[in-house]
């Protein structure tokens, strides 16, 4: 499970970094946006169930409460990021791409830090 989470975070960060690099270079056809977003969501598709399982396994006697807290955190984070996106939107792709890069990188760094402390 830990390797799958790490791999999914690497895929998500890599896809968003590629998208950002191409966006800043000015070469960004729609097919590239679709391909990199597909890769990002592919990684997210592996990340979500594994993190949910990890949260519930870490608190087996309160798995329902752990799942509820995970859902609350996900929805709270989504609301916060949506509000931030609304504030920084400038009519271009850069706010979305920038947010994906920053959040993917942050998630990868947090996971690496937590993984080192768990060993």
N, C-alpha and C. Protein backbone atom coordinates (compact mmCIF):
# COMPACT_ATOMS: atom_id res chain seq x y z
N UNK A 1 0.81 -1.18 0.00
CA UNK A 1 0.00 0.00 0.00
C UNK A 1 0.87 1.26 0.00
N UNK A 2 1.95 1.26 0.78
CA UNK A 2 2.81 2.44 0.85
C UNK A 2 3.47 2.74 -0.49
N UNK A 3 3.87 1.67 -1.20
CA UNK A 3 4.49 1.88 -2.52
C UNK A 3 3.49 2.40 -3.53
N UNK A 4 2.25 1.94 -3.44
CA UNK A 4 1.20 2.41 -4.36
C UNK A 4 0.92 3.89 -4.11
N UNK A 5 0.86 4.28 -2.84
CA UNK A 5 0.62 5.69 -2.52
C UNK A 5 1.77 6.55 -3.05
N UNK A 6 3.00 6.11 -2.81
CA UNK A 6 4.15 6.87 -3.31
C UNK A 6 4.13 6.96 -4.83
N UNK A 7 3.87 5.84 -5.50
CA UNK A 7 3.83 5.84 -6.97
C UNK A 7 2.73 6.77 -7.48
N UNK A 8 1.57 6.75 -6.85
CA UNK A 8 0.48 7.60 -7.31
C UNK A 8 0.83 9.07 -7.11
N UNK A 9 1.48 9.41 -6.01
CA UNK A 9 1.89 10.81 -5.79
C UNK A 9 2.95 11.24 -6.80
N UNK A 10 3.87 10.35 -7.13
CA UNK A 10 4.89 10.67 -8.13
C UNK A 10 4.23 10.89 -9.49
N UNK A 11 3.28 10.04 -9.85
CA UNK A 11 2.56 10.20 -11.13
C UNK A 11 1.82 11.53 -11.14
N UNK A 12 1.14 11.85 -10.06
CA UNK A 12 0.38 13.10 -10.00
C UNK A 12 1.30 14.32 -10.09
N UNK A 13 2.39 14.30 -9.35
CA UNK A 13 3.32 15.43 -9.41
C UNK A 13 3.96 15.53 -10.79
N UNK A 14 4.39 14.39 -11.33
CA UNK A 14 5.02 14.40 -12.65
C UNK A 14 4.10 14.94 -13.73
N UNK A 15 2.85 14.49 -13.72
CA UNK A 15 1.89 14.96 -14.73
C UNK A 15 1.65 16.45 -14.60
N UNK A 16 1.50 16.93 -13.37
CA UNK A 16 1.25 18.37 -13.20
C UNK A 16 2.48 19.20 -13.53
N UNK A 17 3.66 18.67 -13.23
CA UNK A 17 4.90 19.39 -13.57
C UNK A 17 5.08 19.47 -15.08
N UNK A 18 4.79 18.38 -15.78
CA UNK A 18 4.87 18.39 -17.25
C UNK A 18 3.87 19.40 -17.82
N UNK A 19 2.65 19.38 -17.31
CA UNK A 19 1.63 20.31 -17.77
C UNK A 19 2.06 21.75 -17.51
N UNK A 20 2.61 22.02 -16.34
CA UNK A 20 3.07 23.38 -16.04
C UNK A 20 4.21 23.81 -16.96
N UNK A 21 5.17 22.91 -17.16
CA UNK A 21 6.28 23.24 -18.05
C UNK A 21 5.82 23.56 -19.46
N UNK A 22 4.91 22.75 -19.96
CA UNK A 22 4.40 23.01 -21.32
C UNK A 22 3.56 24.28 -21.37
N UNK A 23 2.81 24.54 -20.30
CA UNK A 23 1.99 25.76 -20.27
C UNK A 23 2.88 27.00 -20.28
N UNK A 24 3.96 26.97 -19.51
CA UNK A 24 4.85 28.13 -19.49
C UNK A 24 5.67 28.26 -20.77
N UNK A 25 5.86 27.16 -21.48
CA UNK A 25 6.59 27.25 -22.75
C UNK A 25 5.70 27.77 -23.88
N UNK A 26 4.40 27.78 -23.65
CA UNK A 26 3.47 28.28 -24.66
C UNK A 26 3.01 27.21 -25.63
N UNK A 27 3.46 25.98 -25.45
CA UNK A 27 3.08 24.88 -26.33
C UNK A 27 2.15 23.95 -25.58
N UNK A 28 0.84 24.20 -25.70
CA UNK A 28 -0.10 23.41 -24.93
C UNK A 28 -1.36 23.10 -25.73
N UNK A 29 -1.26 22.11 -26.64
CA UNK A 29 -2.46 21.71 -27.37
C UNK A 29 -3.45 20.99 -26.45
N UNK A 30 -4.70 20.97 -26.84
CA UNK A 30 -5.75 20.35 -26.02
C UNK A 30 -5.44 18.88 -25.74
N UNK A 31 -4.87 18.18 -26.70
CA UNK A 31 -4.56 16.76 -26.50
C UNK A 31 -3.55 16.57 -25.37
N UNK A 32 -2.62 17.49 -25.21
CA UNK A 32 -1.64 17.41 -24.14
C UNK A 32 -2.29 17.66 -22.79
N UNK A 33 -3.20 18.61 -22.75
CA UNK A 33 -3.93 18.87 -21.50
C UNK A 33 -4.71 17.63 -21.09
N UNK A 34 -5.40 17.03 -22.06
CA UNK A 34 -6.18 15.82 -21.76
C UNK A 34 -5.27 14.69 -21.28
N UNK A 35 -4.15 14.48 -21.95
CA UNK A 35 -3.25 13.38 -21.58
C UNK A 35 -2.65 13.58 -20.19
N UNK A 36 -2.20 14.79 -19.90
CA UNK A 36 -1.59 15.00 -18.58
C UNK A 36 -2.64 14.98 -17.47
N UNK A 37 -3.82 15.51 -17.74
CA UNK A 37 -4.88 15.43 -16.74
C UNK A 37 -5.34 13.99 -16.54
N UNK A 38 -5.37 13.20 -17.60
CA UNK A 38 -5.69 11.78 -17.46
C UNK A 38 -4.67 11.10 -16.56
N UNK A 39 -3.39 11.39 -16.78
CA UNK A 39 -2.33 10.80 -15.95
C UNK A 39 -2.49 11.24 -14.49
N UNK A 40 -2.81 12.52 -14.28
CA UNK A 40 -2.98 13.03 -12.92
C UNK A 40 -4.13 12.30 -12.23
N UNK A 41 -5.25 12.18 -12.90
CA UNK A 41 -6.41 11.50 -12.30
C UNK A 41 -6.21 9.99 -12.20
N UNK A 42 -5.40 9.43 -13.06
CA UNK A 42 -5.03 8.02 -12.95
C UNK A 42 -4.30 7.81 -11.62
N UNK A 43 -3.35 8.69 -11.32
CA UNK A 43 -2.66 8.61 -10.04
C UNK A 43 -3.61 8.81 -8.88
N UNK A 44 -4.52 9.75 -9.01
CA UNK A 44 -5.50 10.01 -7.94
C UNK A 44 -6.41 8.81 -7.72
N UNK A 45 -6.69 8.08 -8.77
CA UNK A 45 -7.53 6.90 -8.66
C UNK A 45 -6.89 5.80 -7.83
N UNK A 46 -5.58 5.76 -7.81
CA UNK A 46 -4.88 4.80 -6.95
C UNK A 46 -4.66 5.37 -5.55
N UNK A 47 -4.54 6.67 -5.46
CA UNK A 47 -4.27 7.31 -4.18
C UNK A 47 -5.47 7.24 -3.23
N UNK A 48 -6.63 7.58 -3.72
CA UNK A 48 -7.81 7.71 -2.84
C UNK A 48 -8.16 6.42 -2.09
N UNK A 49 -8.32 5.29 -2.75
CA UNK A 49 -8.69 4.09 -1.98
C UNK A 49 -7.59 3.61 -1.04
N UNK A 50 -6.35 3.80 -1.43
CA UNK A 50 -5.26 3.36 -0.56
C UNK A 50 -5.11 4.23 0.68
N UNK A 51 -5.31 5.53 0.52
CA UNK A 51 -5.25 6.39 1.71
C UNK A 51 -6.45 6.12 2.62
N UNK A 52 -7.62 5.89 2.03
CA UNK A 52 -8.80 5.57 2.84
C UNK A 52 -8.58 4.28 3.62
N UNK A 53 -8.03 3.27 2.96
CA UNK A 53 -7.75 2.00 3.65
C UNK A 53 -6.72 2.21 4.74
N UNK A 54 -5.70 3.01 4.47
CA UNK A 54 -4.67 3.28 5.47
C UNK A 54 -5.23 3.99 6.69
N UNK A 55 -6.10 4.95 6.46
CA UNK A 55 -6.71 5.68 7.58
C UNK A 55 -7.54 4.74 8.43
N UNK A 56 -8.33 3.89 7.78
CA UNK A 56 -9.19 2.99 8.53
C UNK A 56 -8.39 1.88 9.22
N UNK A 57 -7.30 1.42 8.60
CA UNK A 57 -6.46 0.40 9.24
C UNK A 57 -5.71 0.96 10.44
N UNK A 58 -5.41 2.25 10.40
CA UNK A 58 -4.66 2.84 11.52
C UNK A 58 -5.54 3.02 12.75
N UNK A 59 -6.85 3.00 12.56
CA UNK A 59 -7.79 3.13 13.68
C UNK A 59 -8.89 2.07 13.53
N UNK A 60 -8.55 0.78 13.68
CA UNK A 60 -9.53 -0.28 13.40
C UNK A 60 -10.74 -0.27 14.33
N UNK A 61 -10.58 0.19 15.55
CA UNK A 61 -11.71 0.19 16.48
C UNK A 61 -12.65 1.37 16.22
N UNK A 62 -12.21 2.33 15.43
CA UNK A 62 -13.02 3.50 15.11
C UNK A 62 -12.97 3.78 13.61
N UNK A 63 -13.07 2.71 12.81
CA UNK A 63 -12.94 2.86 11.36
C UNK A 63 -14.00 3.79 10.80
N UNK A 64 -15.21 3.72 11.33
CA UNK A 64 -16.28 4.61 10.84
C UNK A 64 -15.96 6.07 11.12
N UNK A 65 -15.47 6.35 12.32
CA UNK A 65 -15.09 7.72 12.66
C UNK A 65 -13.90 8.18 11.83
N UNK A 66 -12.95 7.28 11.61
CA UNK A 66 -11.79 7.63 10.79
C UNK A 66 -12.21 7.95 9.36
N UNK A 67 -13.13 7.17 8.81
CA UNK A 67 -13.63 7.43 7.47
C UNK A 67 -14.38 8.76 7.42
N UNK A 68 -15.13 9.06 8.48
CA UNK A 68 -15.86 10.32 8.53
C UNK A 68 -14.91 11.51 8.58
N UNK A 69 -13.85 11.40 9.38
CA UNK A 69 -12.87 12.47 9.45
C UNK A 69 -12.16 12.65 8.11
N UNK A 70 -11.83 11.53 7.47
CA UNK A 70 -11.20 11.61 6.15
C UNK A 70 -12.12 12.33 5.16
N UNK A 71 -13.39 11.98 5.15
CA UNK A 71 -14.34 12.65 4.26
C UNK A 71 -14.46 14.13 4.57
N UNK A 72 -14.49 14.48 5.85
CA UNK A 72 -14.57 15.88 6.26
C UNK A 72 -13.35 16.65 5.77
N UNK A 73 -12.16 16.06 5.97
CA UNK A 73 -10.93 16.72 5.55
C UNK A 73 -10.90 16.89 4.03
N UNK A 74 -11.33 15.85 3.29
CA UNK A 74 -11.35 15.94 1.83
C UNK A 74 -12.29 17.05 1.36
N UNK A 75 -13.49 17.11 1.93
CA UNK A 75 -14.45 18.13 1.51
C UNK A 75 -14.01 19.53 1.95
N UNK A 76 -13.43 19.62 3.13
CA UNK A 76 -12.92 20.92 3.59
C UNK A 76 -11.77 21.41 2.72
N UNK A 77 -10.88 20.50 2.36
CA UNK A 77 -9.76 20.87 1.48
C UNK A 77 -10.28 21.27 0.10
N UNK A 78 -11.25 20.52 -0.41
CA UNK A 78 -11.81 20.85 -1.72
C UNK A 78 -12.47 22.23 -1.71
N UNK A 79 -13.19 22.53 -0.65
CA UNK A 79 -13.83 23.84 -0.54
C UNK A 79 -12.79 24.96 -0.47
N UNK A 80 -11.73 24.73 0.30
CA UNK A 80 -10.68 25.73 0.43
C UNK A 80 -9.97 25.97 -0.90
N UNK A 81 -9.62 24.88 -1.58
CA UNK A 81 -8.92 25.00 -2.86
C UNK A 81 -9.84 25.65 -3.90
N UNK A 82 -11.11 25.31 -3.89
CA UNK A 82 -12.06 25.93 -4.82
C UNK A 82 -12.15 27.43 -4.59
N UNK A 83 -12.22 27.84 -3.34
CA UNK A 83 -12.27 29.27 -3.02
C UNK A 83 -10.99 29.97 -3.46
N UNK A 84 -9.85 29.33 -3.21
CA UNK A 84 -8.58 29.92 -3.64
C UNK A 84 -8.52 30.04 -5.16
N UNK A 85 -8.98 29.00 -5.85
CA UNK A 85 -8.99 29.03 -7.32
C UNK A 85 -9.85 30.18 -7.82
N UNK A 86 -10.98 30.40 -7.18
CA UNK A 86 -11.85 31.50 -7.57
C UNK A 86 -11.18 32.85 -7.38
N UNK A 87 -10.40 32.97 -6.33
CA UNK A 87 -9.73 34.24 -6.05
C UNK A 87 -8.57 34.52 -7.01
N UNK A 88 -7.87 33.49 -7.43
CA UNK A 88 -6.69 33.71 -8.28
C UNK A 88 -6.96 33.50 -9.76
N UNK A 89 -8.19 33.12 -10.12
CA UNK A 89 -8.49 32.86 -11.53
C UNK A 89 -8.29 34.12 -12.36
N UNK A 90 -7.55 33.99 -13.44
CA UNK A 90 -7.27 35.13 -14.31
C UNK A 90 -7.65 34.87 -15.77
N UNK A 91 -8.44 33.84 -16.00
CA UNK A 91 -8.87 33.54 -17.36
C UNK A 91 -7.90 32.65 -18.13
N UNK A 92 -6.83 32.21 -17.46
CA UNK A 92 -5.86 31.34 -18.12
C UNK A 92 -5.82 30.00 -17.40
N UNK A 93 -4.99 29.13 -17.91
CA UNK A 93 -4.80 27.81 -17.32
C UNK A 93 -3.83 27.83 -16.13
N UNK A 94 -3.08 28.91 -15.97
CA UNK A 94 -2.00 28.94 -14.98
C UNK A 94 -2.46 28.76 -13.53
N UNK A 95 -3.57 29.34 -13.08
CA UNK A 95 -3.97 29.09 -11.68
C UNK A 95 -4.26 27.62 -11.40
N UNK A 96 -4.92 26.93 -12.31
CA UNK A 96 -5.23 25.52 -12.11
C UNK A 96 -3.94 24.69 -12.13
N UNK A 97 -3.10 24.94 -13.11
CA UNK A 97 -1.86 24.19 -13.23
C UNK A 97 -0.95 24.45 -12.03
N UNK A 98 -0.85 25.70 -11.65
CA UNK A 98 -0.03 26.05 -10.50
C UNK A 98 -0.53 25.39 -9.22
N UNK A 99 -1.84 25.37 -9.04
CA UNK A 99 -2.42 24.75 -7.85
C UNK A 99 -2.15 23.24 -7.86
N UNK A 100 -2.26 22.60 -9.02
CA UNK A 100 -1.98 21.17 -9.10
C UNK A 100 -0.52 20.87 -8.76
N UNK A 101 0.39 21.67 -9.28
CA UNK A 101 1.81 21.45 -9.01
C UNK A 101 2.09 21.63 -7.52
N UNK A 102 1.61 22.72 -6.95
CA UNK A 102 1.89 23.00 -5.54
C UNK A 102 1.29 21.93 -4.64
N UNK A 103 0.03 21.57 -4.87
CA UNK A 103 -0.61 20.58 -4.01
C UNK A 103 -0.03 19.18 -4.19
N UNK A 104 0.29 18.81 -5.43
CA UNK A 104 0.91 17.50 -5.66
C UNK A 104 2.27 17.42 -5.00
N UNK A 105 3.04 18.49 -5.13
CA UNK A 105 4.36 18.52 -4.49
C UNK A 105 4.23 18.47 -2.98
N UNK A 106 3.30 19.24 -2.43
CA UNK A 106 3.10 19.24 -0.98
C UNK A 106 2.70 17.86 -0.48
N UNK A 107 1.79 17.20 -1.19
CA UNK A 107 1.36 15.86 -0.79
C UNK A 107 2.53 14.88 -0.84
N UNK A 108 3.35 14.97 -1.85
CA UNK A 108 4.51 14.09 -1.98
C UNK A 108 5.50 14.33 -0.84
N UNK A 109 5.76 15.59 -0.52
CA UNK A 109 6.70 15.89 0.57
C UNK A 109 6.14 15.46 1.93
N UNK A 110 4.85 15.67 2.14
CA UNK A 110 4.24 15.23 3.40
C UNK A 110 4.30 13.72 3.53
N UNK A 111 3.99 13.02 2.43
CA UNK A 111 4.04 11.55 2.47
C UNK A 111 5.46 11.06 2.77
N UNK A 112 6.45 11.67 2.11
CA UNK A 112 7.84 11.27 2.37
C UNK A 112 8.22 11.50 3.82
N UNK A 113 7.81 12.61 4.37
CA UNK A 113 8.13 12.93 5.77
C UNK A 113 7.43 11.94 6.71
N UNK A 114 6.15 11.68 6.48
CA UNK A 114 5.42 10.74 7.33
C UNK A 114 5.97 9.33 7.19
N UNK A 115 6.36 8.94 6.00
CA UNK A 115 6.92 7.60 5.79
C UNK A 115 8.23 7.41 6.54
N UNK A 116 9.05 8.46 6.57
CA UNK A 116 10.31 8.36 7.30
C UNK A 116 10.09 8.27 8.80
N UNK A 117 9.09 8.98 9.32
CA UNK A 117 8.83 8.94 10.75
C UNK A 117 8.16 7.64 11.18
N UNK A 118 7.48 6.97 10.26
CA UNK A 118 6.78 5.72 10.60
C UNK A 118 7.73 4.53 10.68
N UNK A 119 8.92 4.66 10.11
CA UNK A 119 9.85 3.53 10.09
C UNK A 119 10.59 3.37 11.36
